[in-house]
Amino acid sequence: MGATNCPETPRQKMIQMMYLVYTAMLALNVSADILNAFIVVDDTLVTSTRNATRQNASDYNWFENQKAILGEAKIHDAYTNAHKLRKETNDMVNYIEALSRDLIMYVDGDTLAEVKDDKGKIQKVPKTVATITAKENFDKPTFFMLEDPTQNPSRAVQLKEKLLEYKKNILKLAKKEDRERLSEIIGLNVDQQVKSLTGEKVNWEVHNFDHIISAAAVTLLNKTVGEVRNAESSMLTYLKESISADDFKFDHVEGRAIPKSQMVFQGDNYEADIIVAAWDTKSSPKVWYKMGADTLTEAGLGGAQELQGENGLVKLKLPAGAVGEQRYAGLIMIKDPSGEPKYYGFKDKYSVLKPSAVISADKMNVLYAGIENPVSVSAPVDPGKLSISFPGCSVSSQGAGKFNVTVPSSMIGKTVSASVSAKLGESTKTLGSTEFRVKKVPDPRAVLGANIRGGKRSKSELTANPVLRAVMPEDFVYELRWNVTSYQVIFVSKGMEDPAISCQGGALSEAVKAKINKAPANTVIYFTNIKVNSAAGPRTLDEFSVRIR
């Protein structure tokens, strides 16, 4: 394990010494004392590995702290490699531990042991060397690890190959010029031959798993887990040293809360990142920023705004102009201890909202069926993030919080519960709801020409307005056009009713015009069976009449 430039720790020396004791005991008859010795050695190995795992976890947390203090750009490579190292190591350890459980299952037929807890209650726990029933069995471990015909190569060889692959993968995380040195420190030299007790050289897998008892085989697998954790520790030390602690010096550290939003809706959660921020109050950082940008580099500083720092901090104040989402990117320059400038990028975005209030008449929430109902939505968020839901209705966005809602005629007399939501970050939040009553569009009224409906009219006045129209009452504020599809005209003179004249469309037919010109005074003209159509559907309007003057 050790190397001249990396002395072994006392813990490593102790493990090596215990392993030598274990190797020597293999040459002896298996007695109860030897089996107990394996239990002691295994317990020590497991405890040592557990401590190494905790220390490694602390080292991983160190990388998280350095990311907060130095910034992601500064430690990106080491931080990324540390995460790769953790995954490679956990995968390797999980493989060995699964192999150990399979071995115990093959030897004992079970992986759980019954033990009494502090209260004397029986509990089932994973078996250890201490609780393996067939601790002294030679044949089954040898068959399982080396001779099982279903495994080609054998499990021991598979383990060796995975250890070699693991070592190769974690060495890739180091610079090429450092890999040879680290290889000696890491160890795991399972590809080398080993001298047996008889003096002959044998492969690693034969040396470790040929004709050994179950207790020794499980102990050796636990030892291998410890060696993997030690390799992980050595690589973590190397990665930590690749981040120079002397690059920057900070004289002020304090906790900061960075909220995801200072505006929280009822029923939602306030969220903030709690970090430790460090800076040098004696430094004078420079900051540039550019609106509408996602990144800012040194080459793009010409079009950026510059800010001056004071006491190591720079404050950014931006006027809230145009409504909507705004974004900016920037660059921070600080000098390292050697006087060389170092640049670090940043970016953020925010929303500008228009101050507004909406006053609604509570009893006037009405939608008319069959036509486009204009609806406006006002909320304290970017209008571009708003969406509206009218179940059973057709909704089309008109931009900037405005929508057209079309309700089917089948919903006349019912209510619609509309809801408004907004895309906020990665989630969609419901902002509120309102109920609308669905009503039928009122009938228009039929008029002749400009606005002739009833009364005495001259022939010239009637023929000068030769179109029948359908118009909505003046208090109906929607823009709705009606088309006259057909109607009938009946002339009544001196108590005599002439046959009805049918007309298609809104224009007076030539027959009607001729009849008007020939009609005597006091002739009553009835416009009846008036058929009209619009987006609100077809209607039949009330008749009306005029008298020829």
Protein backbone atom coordinates (compact mmCIF):
# COMPACT_ATOMS: atom_id res chain seq x y z
CA MET A 1 0.00 0.00 0.00
CA GLY A 2 2.66 2.51 0.93
CA ALA A 3 5.31 4.35 -1.04
CA THR A 4 8.48 6.22 -0.10
CA ASN A 5 6.86 9.56 -0.77
CA CYS A 6 3.64 8.61 1.04
CA PRO A 7 4.34 6.78 4.35
CA GLU A 8 1.74 4.35 5.60
CA THR A 9 -0.57 5.52 8.35
CA PRO A 10 -0.64 3.59 11.67
CA ARG A 11 -4.08 2.28 10.69
CA GLN A 12 -2.77 0.89 7.41
CA LYS A 13 0.20 -0.74 9.19
CA MET A 14 -2.17 -2.36 11.67
CA ILE A 15 -4.35 -3.76 8.87
CA GLN A 16 -1.31 -5.16 7.05
CA MET A 17 -0.04 -6.77 10.24
CA MET A 18 -3.41 -8.38 10.94
CA TYR A 19 -3.56 -9.67 7.37
CA LEU A 20 -0.12 -11.28 7.84
CA VAL A 21 -1.41 -12.94 10.98
CA TYR A 22 -4.41 -14.20 9.03
CA THR A 23 -2.16 -15.58 6.24
CA ALA A 24 0.00 -17.43 8.75
CA MET A 25 -3.03 -18.97 10.40
CA LEU A 26 -4.13 -20.52 7.12
CA ALA A 27 -1.26 -22.98 7.45
CA LEU A 28 -2.59 -24.19 10.82
CA ASN A 29 -5.45 -26.45 11.73
CA VAL A 30 -8.65 -24.48 12.22
CA SER A 31 -9.31 -24.32 15.92
CA ALA A 32 -11.86 -22.39 17.90
CA ASP A 33 -9.18 -19.88 18.87
CA ILE A 34 -8.31 -19.29 15.19
CA LEU A 35 -11.96 -18.81 14.31
CA ASN A 36 -12.29 -16.30 17.15
CA ALA A 37 -9.20 -14.55 15.83
CA PHE A 38 -10.91 -14.12 12.45
CA ILE A 39 -13.90 -12.59 14.22
CA VAL A 40 -11.62 -10.07 15.95
CA VAL A 41 -9.77 -9.26 12.73
CA ASP A 42 -13.01 -8.87 10.79
CA ASP A 43 -14.56 -6.59 13.42
CA THR A 44 -11.43 -4.44 13.34
CA LEU A 45 -11.48 -4.25 9.54
CA VAL A 46 -15.18 -3.33 9.47
CA THR A 47 -14.67 -0.61 12.09
CA SER A 48 -11.62 0.75 10.26
CA THR A 49 -13.51 0.81 6.95
CA ARG A 50 -16.48 2.53 8.57
CA ASN A 51 -14.19 5.25 9.92
CA ALA A 52 -12.55 5.67 6.51
CA THR A 53 -15.99 5.98 4.90
CA ARG A 54 -16.95 8.73 7.35
CA GLN A 55 -13.71 10.60 6.73
CA ASN A 56 -14.23 10.35 2.97
CA ALA A 57 -17.78 11.69 3.37
CA SER A 58 -16.32 14.65 5.26
CA ASP A 59 -13.87 15.24 2.41
CA TYR A 60 -16.74 15.28 -0.11
CA ASN A 61 -18.46 17.92 2.04
CA TRP A 62 -15.21 19.90 1.92
CA PHE A 63 -15.60 20.14 -1.85
CA GLU A 64 -19.13 21.50 -1.39
CA ASN A 65 -17.80 24.15 1.00
CA GLN A 66 -15.03 25.14 -1.40
CA LYS A 67 -17.59 25.48 -4.17
CA ALA A 68 -19.50 27.97 -2.01
CA ILE A 69 -16.38 29.93 -1.08
CA LEU A 70 -14.30 29.88 -4.26
CA GLY A 71 -17.07 29.54 -6.83
CA GLU A 72 -17.90 26.67 -9.17
CA ALA A 73 -15.58 27.89 -11.93
CA LYS A 74 -12.55 27.73 -9.64
CA ILE A 75 -13.01 24.13 -8.49
CA HIS A 76 -15.01 22.77 -11.43
CA ASP A 77 -12.57 20.03 -12.49
CA ALA A 78 -11.76 18.79 -9.00
CA TYR A 79 -15.41 19.01 -7.93
CA THR A 80 -16.57 17.03 -10.98
CA ASN A 81 -13.84 14.41 -10.54
CA ALA A 82 -14.73 14.00 -6.86
CA HIS A 83 -18.29 13.12 -7.84
CA LYS A 84 -17.00 10.63 -10.40
CA LEU A 85 -14.71 9.11 -7.75
CA ARG A 86 -17.62 8.73 -5.32
CA LYS A 87 -19.74 6.90 -7.91
CA GLU A 88 -16.91 4.59 -9.01
CA THR A 89 -16.07 3.73 -5.40
CA ASN A 90 -19.65 3.16 -4.28
CA ASP A 91 -20.26 0.90 -7.28
CA MET A 92 -17.12 -1.11 -6.45
CA VAL A 93 -17.98 -1.41 -2.75
CA ASN A 94 -21.56 -2.42 -3.54
CA TYR A 95 -20.27 -5.14 -5.86
CA ILE A 96 -17.92 -6.59 -3.20
CA GLU A 97 -20.57 -6.44 -0.48
CA ALA A 98 -23.10 -8.19 -2.76
CA LEU A 99 -20.47 -10.87 -3.50
CA SER A 100 -19.90 -11.34 0.23
CA ARG A 101 -23.65 -11.77 0.85
CA ASP A 102 -23.88 -14.32 -1.98
CA LEU A 103 -20.97 -16.25 -0.49
CA ILE A 104 -22.61 -16.33 2.95
CA MET A 105 -25.88 -17.46 1.37
CA TYR A 106 -24.08 -20.30 -0.44
CA VAL A 107 -22.23 -21.40 2.69
CA ASP A 108 -25.03 -21.02 5.25
CA GLY A 109 -28.19 -20.94 3.14
CA ASP A 110 -29.18 -17.66 4.72
CA THR A 111 -27.78 -14.13 5.05
CA LEU A 112 -29.60 -13.17 8.25
CA ALA A 113 -28.77 -14.12 11.82
CA GLU A 114 -30.96 -13.99 14.90
CA VAL A 115 -29.51 -11.95 17.76
CA LYS A 116 -30.89 -10.49 20.95
CA ASP A 117 -31.08 -6.72 21.31
CA ASP A 118 -30.52 -4.83 24.58
CA LYS A 119 -34.05 -5.68 25.70
CA GLY A 120 -33.62 -9.40 25.00
CA LYS A 121 -35.86 -9.30 21.91
CA ILE A 122 -34.83 -11.44 18.95
CA GLN A 123 -33.86 -9.39 15.88
CA LYS A 124 -32.74 -10.52 12.44
CA VAL A 125 -29.57 -8.79 11.25
CA PRO A 126 -27.14 -9.38 8.35
CA LYS A 127 -24.63 -12.13 9.11
CA THR A 128 -21.02 -11.29 9.91
CA VAL A 129 -18.02 -13.53 10.41
CA ALA A 130 -19.12 -13.89 14.03
CA THR A 131 -22.55 -15.26 13.10
CA ILE A 132 -21.68 -17.48 10.13
CA THR A 133 -22.61 -21.05 11.04
CA ALA A 134 -20.08 -22.86 8.83
CA LYS A 135 -17.08 -20.67 9.64
CA GLU A 136 -14.57 -23.51 9.22
CA ASN A 137 -15.90 -24.90 5.91
CA PHE A 138 -13.16 -25.16 3.26
CA ASP A 139 -14.93 -26.64 0.28
CA LYS A 140 -17.83 -24.28 -0.27
CA PRO A 141 -15.84 -20.99 -0.38
CA THR A 142 -13.32 -22.55 -2.77
CA PHE A 143 -16.06 -23.88 -5.06
CA PHE A 144 -18.03 -20.61 -4.93
CA MET A 145 -15.07 -18.32 -5.68
CA LEU A 146 -12.94 -20.53 -7.99
CA GLU A 147 -14.58 -23.73 -9.20
CA ASP A 148 -18.25 -22.98 -9.94
CA PRO A 149 -18.71 -24.17 -13.59
CA THR A 150 -21.57 -21.65 -14.12
CA GLN A 151 -19.08 -18.81 -13.76
CA ASN A 152 -16.59 -18.21 -16.56
CA PRO A 153 -14.36 -16.62 -15.53
CA SER A 154 -14.66 -17.50 -11.87
CA ARG A 155 -16.07 -15.07 -9.32
CA ALA A 156 -12.60 -14.45 -7.93
CA VAL A 157 -11.28 -13.54 -11.38
CA GLN A 158 -14.32 -11.32 -11.98
CA LEU A 159 -13.56 -9.54 -8.71
CA LYS A 160 -9.93 -9.08 -9.74
CA GLU A 161 -10.93 -7.64 -13.11
CA LYS A 162 -13.36 -5.22 -11.51
CA LEU A 163 -10.73 -4.04 -9.04
CA LEU A 164 -8.29 -3.44 -11.90
CA GLU A 165 -10.96 -1.57 -13.85
CA TYR A 166 -11.80 0.51 -10.76
CA LYS A 167 -8.15 1.44 -10.26
CA LYS A 168 -7.80 2.34 -13.94
CA ASN A 169 -10.91 4.55 -13.85
CA ILE A 170 -9.98 6.53 -10.76
CA LEU A 171 -6.41 7.06 -11.99
CA LYS A 172 -7.93 8.71 -15.07
CA LEU A 173 -9.12 11.46 -12.72
CA ALA A 174 -5.49 12.49 -12.16
CA LYS A 175 -3.07 14.23 -14.49
CA LYS A 176 -1.01 11.86 -16.64
CA GLU A 177 2.24 12.85 -14.98
CA ASP A 178 0.83 11.96 -11.52
CA ARG A 179 -0.72 8.58 -12.32
CA GLU A 180 2.34 6.39 -11.80
CA ARG A 181 2.99 7.91 -8.37
CA LEU A 182 -0.67 7.58 -7.38
CA SER A 183 -0.77 3.98 -8.60
CA GLU A 184 1.82 3.05 -5.99
CA ILE A 185 -0.06 4.92 -3.27
CA ILE A 186 -3.44 3.42 -4.14
CA GLY A 187 -2.22 -0.18 -4.25
CA LEU A 188 -4.84 -2.73 -5.36
CA ASN A 189 -2.11 -4.55 -7.28
CA VAL A 190 -4.27 -7.61 -7.81
CA ASP A 191 -2.76 -8.29 -11.24
CA GLN A 192 0.59 -9.29 -9.69
CA GLN A 193 1.55 -12.80 -8.62
CA VAL A 194 1.99 -13.52 -4.90
CA LYS A 195 4.29 -15.95 -3.08
CA SER A 196 2.41 -18.72 -1.36
CA LEU A 197 3.44 -20.29 1.94
CA THR A 198 5.30 -22.96 -0.05
CA GLY A 199 7.32 -20.28 -1.85
CA GLU A 200 5.79 -20.71 -5.29
CA LYS A 201 4.21 -17.76 -7.15
CA VAL A 202 0.44 -17.92 -7.68
CA ASN A 203 -2.20 -15.61 -9.02
CA TRP A 204 -3.96 -13.20 -6.65
CA GLU A 205 -7.28 -15.06 -6.81
CA VAL A 206 -5.68 -18.46 -6.04
CA HIS A 207 -3.60 -17.04 -3.21
CA ASN A 208 -6.66 -15.50 -1.55
CA PHE A 209 -9.48 -17.95 -2.21
CA ASP A 210 -8.04 -21.43 -2.78
CA HIS A 211 -8.81 -23.80 0.08
CA ILE A 212 -9.61 -21.18 2.70
CA ILE A 213 -12.34 -21.34 5.31
CA SER A 214 -15.54 -19.32 5.12
CA ALA A 215 -14.53 -17.01 7.96
CA ALA A 216 -11.28 -16.17 6.13
CA ALA A 217 -13.02 -15.60 2.77
CA VAL A 218 -15.55 -13.13 4.22
CA THR A 219 -12.80 -11.40 6.21
CA LEU A 220 -10.72 -11.03 3.04
CA LEU A 221 -13.67 -9.50 1.14
CA ASN A 222 -14.16 -7.00 3.96
CA LYS A 223 -10.42 -6.25 3.81
CA THR A 224 -10.81 -5.57 0.07
CA VAL A 225 -13.63 -3.11 0.81
CA GLY A 226 -11.26 -1.32 3.19
CA GLU A 227 -8.56 -1.18 0.51
CA VAL A 228 -11.05 0.37 -1.92
CA ARG A 229 -12.02 2.99 0.66
CA ASN A 230 -8.32 3.71 1.27
CA ALA A 231 -7.83 4.14 -2.49
CA GLU A 232 -10.77 6.55 -2.49
CA SER A 233 -9.17 8.47 0.40
CA SER A 234 -5.84 8.77 -1.44
CA MET A 235 -7.56 10.10 -4.56
CA LEU A 236 -9.61 12.56 -2.51
CA THR A 237 -6.40 13.90 -0.97
CA TYR A 238 -4.93 14.33 -4.45
CA LEU A 239 -8.04 16.14 -5.72
CA LYS A 240 -8.11 18.42 -2.69
CA GLU A 241 -4.46 19.35 -3.24
CA SER A 242 -5.25 20.26 -6.85
CA ILE A 243 -7.22 23.22 -5.47
CA SER A 244 -4.68 25.70 -4.17
CA ALA A 245 -5.74 27.04 -0.82
CA ASP A 246 -3.44 30.03 -1.32
CA ASP A 247 -5.07 31.40 -4.46
CA PHE A 248 -7.29 33.79 -2.55
CA LYS A 249 -7.42 34.96 1.05
CA PHE A 250 -10.66 36.05 2.67
CA ASP A 251 -11.01 38.07 5.84
CA HIS A 252 -14.80 38.17 6.12
CA VAL A 253 -17.20 35.25 6.20
CA GLU A 254 -20.91 35.40 6.98
CA GLY A 255 -24.10 33.48 6.35
CA ARG A 256 -26.37 34.63 3.57
CA ALA A 257 -29.93 33.64 2.59
CA ILE A 258 -30.55 33.78 -1.15
CA PRO A 259 -34.32 33.54 -1.74
CA LYS A 260 -35.63 31.98 -4.90
CA SER A 261 -38.31 34.66 -4.77
CA GLN A 262 -39.25 37.33 -2.26
CA MET A 263 -42.84 37.12 -3.48
CA VAL A 264 -44.68 34.07 -2.15
CA PHE A 265 -48.28 33.11 -2.93
CA GLN A 266 -50.62 31.90 -0.22
CA GLY A 267 -50.37 28.12 0.12
CA ASP A 268 -46.92 28.08 -1.46
CA ASN A 269 -43.52 27.82 0.26
CA TYR A 270 -40.82 30.39 0.81
CA GLU A 271 -37.55 28.88 -0.41
CA ALA A 272 -34.01 30.13 0.04
CA ASP A 273 -30.48 28.81 -0.31
CA ILE A 274 -28.55 29.27 2.94
CA ILE A 275 -24.84 29.63 2.23
CA VAL A 276 -21.60 30.85 3.75
CA ALA A 277 -20.17 33.75 1.77
CA ALA A 278 -16.52 34.78 2.02
CA TRP A 279 -14.81 37.90 0.69
CA ASP A 280 -11.83 40.17 1.26
CA THR A 281 -12.90 43.55 2.61
CA LYS A 282 -9.53 45.05 1.56
CA SER A 283 -9.99 44.16 -2.11
CA SER A 284 -11.59 46.31 -4.81
CA PRO A 285 -13.39 44.00 -7.20
CA LYS A 286 -14.65 45.28 -10.52
CA VAL A 287 -17.94 44.16 -11.95
CA TRP A 288 -19.41 44.50 -15.44
CA TYR A 289 -22.94 43.59 -16.43
CA LYS A 290 -24.98 43.59 -19.63
CA MET A 291 -28.77 43.52 -19.87
CA GLY A 292 -30.43 40.92 -22.09
CA ALA A 293 -27.34 38.68 -22.14
CA ASP A 294 -26.94 35.08 -21.01
CA THR A 295 -23.14 35.21 -20.81
CA LEU A 296 -20.48 37.90 -20.66
CA THR A 297 -16.82 37.34 -21.51
CA GLU A 298 -13.74 39.53 -21.43
CA ALA A 299 -14.10 40.08 -25.18
CA GLY A 300 -17.61 41.52 -24.68
CA LEU A 301 -16.80 44.07 -21.98
CA GLY A 302 -16.92 46.93 -24.49
CA GLY A 303 -20.72 47.05 -24.44
CA ALA A 304 -21.13 46.34 -20.72
CA GLN A 305 -21.77 48.65 -17.75
CA GLU A 306 -19.04 48.82 -15.11
CA LEU A 307 -19.62 48.91 -11.36
CA GLN A 308 -17.08 49.74 -8.68
CA GLY A 309 -16.87 47.76 -5.46
CA GLU A 310 -16.31 48.94 -1.91
CA ASN A 311 -15.05 46.87 1.03
CA GLY A 312 -14.95 43.80 -1.15
CA LEU A 313 -18.62 44.05 -2.20
CA VAL A 314 -20.38 45.38 -5.28
CA LYS A 315 -24.05 46.35 -5.23
CA LEU A 316 -26.22 46.19 -8.35
CA LYS A 317 -29.29 48.41 -8.70
CA LEU A 318 -31.38 48.12 -11.86
CA PRO A 319 -34.38 50.33 -12.77
CA ALA A 320 -37.60 48.40 -13.37
CA GLY A 321 -38.56 49.59 -16.85
CA ALA A 322 -40.26 47.35 -19.39
CA VAL A 323 -42.80 44.89 -18.04
CA GLY A 324 -41.88 41.21 -18.34
CA GLU A 325 -38.94 38.91 -17.69
CA GLN A 326 -35.54 40.61 -17.73
CA ARG A 327 -32.17 38.89 -17.71
CA TYR A 328 -28.57 39.95 -17.43
CA ALA A 329 -25.09 38.48 -17.34
CA GLY A 330 -21.92 39.82 -15.81
CA LEU A 331 -18.26 39.34 -15.04
CA ILE A 332 -16.36 39.83 -11.79
CA MET A 333 -12.66 40.62 -11.80
CA ILE A 334 -10.49 40.20 -8.72
CA LYS A 335 -6.74 39.94 -8.45
CA ASP A 336 -5.03 36.89 -7.01
CA PRO A 337 -2.13 37.22 -4.54
CA SER A 338 0.33 37.47 -7.44
CA GLY A 339 -1.54 40.43 -8.90
CA GLU A 340 -2.94 38.54 -11.86
CA PRO A 341 -6.59 39.32 -12.72
CA LYS A 342 -9.08 36.48 -12.38
CA TYR A 343 -12.52 36.64 -14.03
CA TYR A 344 -15.71 34.94 -12.86
CA GLY A 345 -19.01 35.05 -14.68
CA PHE A 346 -22.52 35.31 -13.27
CA LYS A 347 -26.07 35.65 -14.57
CA ASP A 348 -29.60 36.07 -13.27
CA LYS A 349 -33.11 37.01 -14.31
CA TYR A 350 -36.05 38.82 -12.74
CA SER A 351 -39.60 39.85 -13.62
CA VAL A 352 -40.94 43.41 -13.81
CA LEU A 353 -44.64 43.68 -12.99
CA LYS A 354 -46.98 46.55 -13.75
CA PRO A 355 -48.75 47.92 -10.64
CA SER A 356 -52.44 47.28 -11.18
CA ALA A 357 -55.72 46.66 -9.44
CA VAL A 358 -58.89 45.13 -10.83
CA ILE A 359 -62.40 46.16 -9.70
CA SER A 360 -65.14 43.72 -10.69
CA ALA A 361 -68.90 43.84 -10.26
CA ASP A 362 -69.65 40.66 -8.32
CA LYS A 363 -73.05 40.08 -9.94
CA MET A 364 -71.92 40.75 -13.51
CA ASN A 365 -69.67 37.76 -14.15
CA VAL A 366 -71.45 36.72 -17.35
CA LEU A 367 -70.32 34.87 -20.47
CA TYR A 368 -72.49 34.74 -23.60
CA ALA A 369 -72.69 31.37 -25.33
CA GLY A 370 -71.53 30.97 -28.91
CA ILE A 371 -69.48 34.17 -29.24
CA GLU A 372 -65.97 35.26 -28.31
CA ASN A 373 -65.99 36.79 -24.83
CA PRO A 374 -62.95 39.01 -24.20
CA VAL A 375 -61.40 38.32 -20.78
CA SER A 376 -58.47 40.13 -19.15
CA VAL A 377 -56.34 38.67 -16.35
CA SER A 378 -54.23 40.76 -13.99
CA ALA A 379 -51.83 39.10 -11.55
CA PRO A 380 -48.53 40.04 -9.85
CA VAL A 381 -46.49 37.99 -12.32
CA ASP A 382 -45.17 38.41 -15.84
CA PRO A 383 -48.27 38.36 -18.13
CA GLY A 384 -46.39 36.11 -20.51
CA LYS A 385 -46.37 33.38 -17.85
CA LEU A 386 -50.15 33.46 -17.29
CA SER A 387 -52.57 30.83 -18.51
CA ILE A 388 -56.32 30.54 -17.99
CA SER A 389 -58.64 27.53 -17.83
CA PHE A 390 -62.37 27.51 -18.67
CA PRO A 391 -63.49 23.83 -18.50
CA GLY A 392 -65.63 22.90 -21.48
CA CYS A 393 -64.87 26.15 -23.29
CA SER A 394 -62.53 27.22 -26.09
CA VAL A 395 -59.82 29.69 -25.02
CA SER A 396 -57.44 31.60 -27.27
CA SER A 397 -54.68 33.90 -26.03
CA GLN A 398 -54.55 37.44 -27.38
CA GLY A 399 -51.26 38.25 -25.58
CA ALA A 400 -50.38 40.29 -22.46
CA GLY A 401 -52.94 38.64 -20.18
CA LYS A 402 -55.86 38.92 -22.63
CA PHE A 403 -57.96 35.99 -23.84
CA ASN A 404 -61.03 35.19 -25.90
CA VAL A 405 -63.39 32.61 -24.39
CA THR A 406 -66.07 30.84 -26.43
CA VAL A 407 -68.75 28.91 -24.53
CA PRO A 408 -70.87 26.23 -26.28
CA SER A 409 -74.64 26.74 -26.35
CA SER A 410 -75.09 23.52 -24.38
CA MET A 411 -73.84 25.34 -21.27
CA ILE A 412 -76.51 28.07 -21.30
CA GLY A 413 -77.97 28.42 -17.80
CA LYS A 414 -74.96 26.78 -16.17
CA THR A 415 -71.87 28.18 -14.45
CA VAL A 416 -68.22 27.92 -15.44
CA SER A 417 -65.44 27.95 -12.85
CA ALA A 418 -62.41 29.61 -14.45
CA SER A 419 -58.94 29.39 -12.93
CA VAL A 420 -55.74 31.34 -13.55
CA SER A 421 -52.27 29.82 -13.20
CA ALA A 422 -48.71 30.95 -13.87
CA LYS A 423 -45.44 29.23 -14.64
CA LEU A 424 -43.14 30.12 -11.75
CA GLY A 425 -39.71 28.51 -11.96
CA GLU A 426 -40.07 24.78 -12.52
CA SER A 427 -43.64 24.55 -11.25
CA THR A 428 -47.07 25.90 -12.19
CA LYS A 429 -49.04 27.69 -9.47
CA THR A 430 -52.79 28.34 -9.38
CA LEU A 431 -53.36 32.03 -8.59
CA GLY A 432 -57.14 32.15 -8.26
CA SER A 433 -60.54 31.24 -9.69
CA THR A 434 -63.85 32.95 -10.58
CA GLU A 435 -67.32 31.66 -11.43
CA PHE A 436 -69.14 32.94 -14.52
CA ARG A 437 -72.81 32.52 -15.46
CA VAL A 438 -73.47 31.43 -19.03
CA LYS A 439 -76.30 33.28 -20.75
CA LYS A 440 -77.88 33.21 -24.17
CA VAL A 441 -77.06 36.12 -26.45
CA PRO A 442 -80.20 38.31 -26.56
CA ASP A 443 -82.15 38.42 -29.80
CA PRO A 444 -81.43 41.28 -32.17
CA ARG A 445 -84.27 43.29 -33.67
CA ALA A 446 -85.03 43.66 -37.36
CA VAL A 447 -85.00 47.12 -38.99
CA LEU A 448 -85.32 48.32 -42.53
CA GLY A 449 -82.41 50.37 -43.82
CA ALA A 450 -80.92 52.82 -41.34
CA ASN A 451 -83.48 52.35 -38.59
CA ILE A 452 -87.00 52.03 -40.01
CA ARG A 453 -89.30 49.99 -37.80
CA GLY A 454 -92.99 50.91 -37.72
CA GLY A 455 -94.84 54.18 -38.34
CA LYS A 456 -95.96 55.85 -41.57
CA ARG A 457 -93.31 56.02 -44.28
CA SER A 458 -93.27 57.41 -47.81
CA LYS A 459 -92.63 55.15 -50.75
CA SER A 460 -89.41 57.00 -51.55
CA GLU A 461 -88.17 56.52 -47.97
CA LEU A 462 -88.85 52.80 -48.14
CA THR A 463 -87.21 52.27 -51.52
CA ALA A 464 -84.22 54.35 -50.40
CA ASN A 465 -83.58 51.81 -47.59
CA PRO A 466 -83.86 48.53 -49.50
CA VAL A 467 -82.10 46.28 -46.98
CA LEU A 468 -83.47 44.37 -44.00
CA ARG A 469 -80.98 44.26 -41.12
CA ALA A 470 -80.71 42.65 -37.67
CA VAL A 471 -79.12 44.87 -35.00
CA MET A 472 -78.33 44.36 -31.30
CA PRO A 473 -79.61 46.70 -28.60
CA GLU A 474 -77.34 49.68 -27.94
CA ASP A 475 -76.44 48.41 -24.45
CA PHE A 476 -75.00 45.14 -25.87
CA VAL A 477 -71.26 45.96 -25.89
CA TYR A 478 -70.03 42.95 -27.84
CA GLU A 479 -69.24 43.24 -31.52
CA LEU A 480 -71.64 40.72 -33.05
CA ARG A 481 -72.76 40.77 -36.68
CA TRP A 482 -76.03 39.16 -37.76
CA ASN A 483 -76.82 38.08 -41.31
CA VAL A 484 -80.43 38.04 -42.58
CA THR A 485 -80.85 34.75 -44.43
CA SER A 486 -84.56 34.98 -45.44
CA TYR A 487 -87.88 36.69 -44.65
CA GLN A 488 -91.39 37.20 -46.03
CA VAL A 489 -93.28 40.40 -46.95
CA ILE A 490 -97.09 40.64 -46.79
CA PHE A 491 -99.03 43.62 -48.19
CA VAL A 492 -102.48 44.42 -46.69
CA SER A 493 -104.61 47.02 -48.46
CA LYS A 494 -108.24 47.91 -47.67
CA GLY A 495 -108.56 44.79 -45.52
CA MET A 496 -107.30 42.54 -48.29
CA GLU A 497 -104.10 40.50 -47.63
CA ASP A 498 -101.98 39.67 -50.65
CA PRO A 499 -99.97 36.42 -50.83
CA ALA A 500 -96.63 36.52 -49.01
CA ILE A 501 -93.53 37.34 -51.02
CA SER A 502 -90.43 35.31 -49.95
CA CYS A 503 -87.00 36.96 -50.03
CA GLN A 504 -83.55 35.44 -49.69
CA GLY A 505 -80.81 37.49 -47.97
CA GLY A 506 -81.39 40.93 -46.54
CA ALA A 507 -82.04 42.97 -49.69
CA LEU A 508 -85.56 43.81 -50.81
CA SER A 509 -86.41 41.77 -53.87
CA GLU A 510 -87.45 43.45 -57.13
CA ALA A 511 -90.94 42.09 -56.63
CA VAL A 512 -91.20 43.81 -53.23
CA LYS A 513 -89.87 47.10 -54.59
CA ALA A 514 -92.39 47.01 -57.46
CA LYS A 515 -95.21 46.21 -55.04
CA ILE A 516 -94.22 49.19 -52.84
CA ASN A 517 -94.26 51.57 -55.81
CA LYS A 518 -97.77 50.42 -56.86
CA ALA A 519 -99.28 50.25 -53.36
CA PRO A 520 -101.95 52.86 -52.47
CA ALA A 521 -101.72 55.04 -49.37
CA ASN A 522 -102.41 53.37 -46.01
CA THR A 523 -101.19 50.00 -47.29
CA VAL A 524 -99.63 48.09 -44.37
CA ILE A 525 -96.44 46.14 -45.16
CA TYR A 526 -95.59 43.28 -42.76
CA PHE A 527 -92.01 41.91 -42.51
CA THR A 528 -92.42 38.47 -40.96
CA ASN A 529 -90.73 35.05 -40.48
CA ILE A 530 -87.36 36.83 -40.38
CA LYS A 531 -84.49 34.30 -40.25
CA VAL A 532 -81.04 35.51 -39.11
CA ASN A 533 -77.74 33.84 -38.20
CA SER A 534 -74.48 34.74 -36.38
CA ALA A 535 -71.78 33.16 -34.22
CA ALA A 536 -74.44 32.89 -31.52
CA GLY A 537 -76.51 30.61 -33.80
CA PRO A 538 -79.69 30.95 -35.88
CA ARG A 539 -82.69 32.95 -34.67
CA THR A 540 -86.23 33.83 -35.90
CA LEU A 541 -87.05 37.47 -35.11
CA ASP A 542 -90.31 39.20 -34.25
CA GLU A 543 -92.19 40.68 -37.17
CA PHE A 544 -92.72 44.40 -37.63
CA SER A 545 -94.81 46.55 -39.99
CA VAL A 546 -94.83 49.97 -41.66
CA ARG A 547 -97.70 51.93 -43.25
CA ILE A 548 -97.36 53.74 -46.58
CA ARG A 549 -98.07 57.39 -46.21
